[in-house]
Amino acid sequence: MNRNIELLRQGNPAANDFVLFWDVSEQKLQKASIAAIAASNSTSGSAGSSGTSGAAGSNGTSGTSGTSGTSGAMGATGPAGSSGTSGANGTSGDDGPGLSSVRWGSDFREYDSSDVEILNPVNTASENFWKFKWIVPINLDSSAAVKIEKLVVHSINGGDNTNAVNLKFSCVNVSAGSLYIPITSAFVHSVPQSFTPTSASANSTSVLSNITLNNWNTYLTPGSFAYIMIQREGDVDSNTDSYAFDMMRISVGLT
């Protein structure tokens, strides 16, 4: 056995001498011969056998192939392009849909022996008037008002044409067999209208606008021949000037 020995005796003892020693491993005092101690310490342990080499590690398993990625979704449809700007509407003609306009100038005025070229400041309405012939539109809309859009007149003498002038508008259907130029008393649906001139000079123009002719739309017969009359109450108004006709425009509704 191999022990750690601390000799308690010095010198050069013989092989058969006994010595006392402290056995470090056993932690106690021992007695042995010199020869035995020498033999115990000199015996070398046999060399350990070499360890067996470890077997080579097996190759790692190959990884499985990755799953192919799915195709990307189709992109969303782009927004529709904005609509092009609509072209501007063309300017309506004078006789647009649903409206018929009739114009008269002095050359188209019809009058009889009691009619005068001018509306004077003296005569009564029954002898102080203008009459106009008219073919009523065949597709007259009886639910839409008949209107005088414009009436243009001008003064003759001047000097006192800033006072109001009193007029009346009336009409009559002309049926077969009736007088070609109806008498004044035959006219119906009279609409009064006055105007105040803005100038006292001779030949000054006055314009009347947007006069609604009540009940004319339901009275007039579509497609018939009719007359329109404009009268002046010269014996009533205080304007002392005479007036000549220039032009008139009437509008009616159409179906």
Foldseek 3Di string as FASTA:
>chain_A
DAFDWDWPDDDDDDQQDKGWTQTPVVRGIDIDGNVVNVVRHPDDDDDDDDDDDDDDDDDDDDDDDDDDDDDDDDDDDDDDDDDDDDDDDDDADPQHAFKDKDKDFPVQWDDDPLEDQWQFLADAQQRGKTKGKDFAAQQFDLVWWKWWAKWKKFWAAFDFQQFKWKKKKWKAFDDPPDDPDDHPVRTDQIDIDMDGDPGRDGGGMDMDGTGTRPPPSVPDHHRTMMMMMMTTRSNPTPGRIMMGTGMIMMMTTGD
